[in-house]
C-alpha atoms as a PDB file:
ATOM      1  CA  MET A   1     154.804-213.667  69.114  1.00  0.00           C
ATOM      2  CA  THR A   2     152.800-210.449  69.234  1.00  0.00           C
ATOM      3  CA  THR A   3     149.096-210.479  68.397  1.00  0.00           C
ATOM      4  CA  LEU A   4     149.452-208.750  64.981  1.00  0.00           C
ATOM      5  CA  ASN A   5     151.788-211.416  63.682  1.00  0.00           C
ATOM      6  CA  VAL A   6     149.235-214.055  64.731  1.00  0.00           C
ATOM      7  CA  ALA A   7     146.374-212.345  63.091  1.00  0.00           C
ATOM      8  CA  ARG A   8     148.413-211.895  60.025  1.00  0.00           C
ATOM      9  CA  VAL A   9     149.361-215.703  59.615  1.00  0.00           C
ATOM     10  CA  TYR A  10     145.853-216.489  60.555  1.00  0.00           C
ATOM     11  CA  LEU A  11     144.691-214.410  57.615  1.00  0.00           C
ATOM     12  CA  ARG A  12     147.386-216.053  55.340  1.00  0.00           C
ATOM     13  CA  VAL A  13     146.184-219.320  56.357  1.00  0.00           C
ATOM     14  CA  SER A  14     142.525-218.715  55.973  1.00  0.00           C
ATOM     15  CA  THR A  15     142.990-217.005  52.540  1.00  0.00           C
ATOM     16  CA  GLU A  16     144.911-220.070  51.313  1.00  0.00           C
ATOM     17  CA  ASP A  17     142.099-222.321  52.552  1.00  0.00           C
ATOM     18  CA  HIS A  18     139.763-220.410  50.431  1.00  0.00           C
ATOM     19  CA  ASP A  19     141.866-220.459  47.359  1.00  0.00           C
ATOM     20  CA  LEU A  20     142.017-224.273  47.677  1.00  0.00           C
ATOM     21  CA  GLN A  21     138.067-224.339  48.179  1.00  0.00           C
ATOM     22  CA  ARG A  22     137.701-222.393  45.207  1.00  0.00           C
ATOM     23  CA  GLN A  23     140.306-224.375  43.020  1.00  0.00           C
ATOM     24  CA  GLU A  24     138.479-227.644  44.120  1.00  0.00           C
ATOM     25  CA  ALA A  25     134.997-226.076  43.084  1.00  0.00           C
ATOM     26  CA  ILE A  26     136.629-224.982  39.573  1.00  0.00           C
ATOM     27  CA  ILE A  27     138.034-228.701  39.007  1.00  0.00           C
ATOM     28  CA  GLY A  28     134.861-230.259  40.261  1.00  0.00           C
ATOM     29  CA  ASN A  29     132.720-227.886  37.902  1.00  0.00           C
ATOM     30  CA  ALA A  30     135.334-228.941  34.984  1.00  0.00           C
ATOM     31  CA  ARG A  31     134.950-232.610  35.699  1.00  0.00           C
ATOM     32  CA  THR A  32     130.989-232.480  35.704  1.00  0.00           C
ATOM     33  CA  SER A  33     130.900-230.499  32.667  1.00  0.00           C
ATOM     34  CA  GLY A  34     133.391-233.002  30.932  1.00  0.00           C
END
């Protein structure tokens, strides 16, 4: 596996993590605001 492929996979995983955190934050805000 080349370094470029590793970087691509890492970037994709990190962006997915950020999306999950954002969704959780949105859900948390929706819950607190009723």
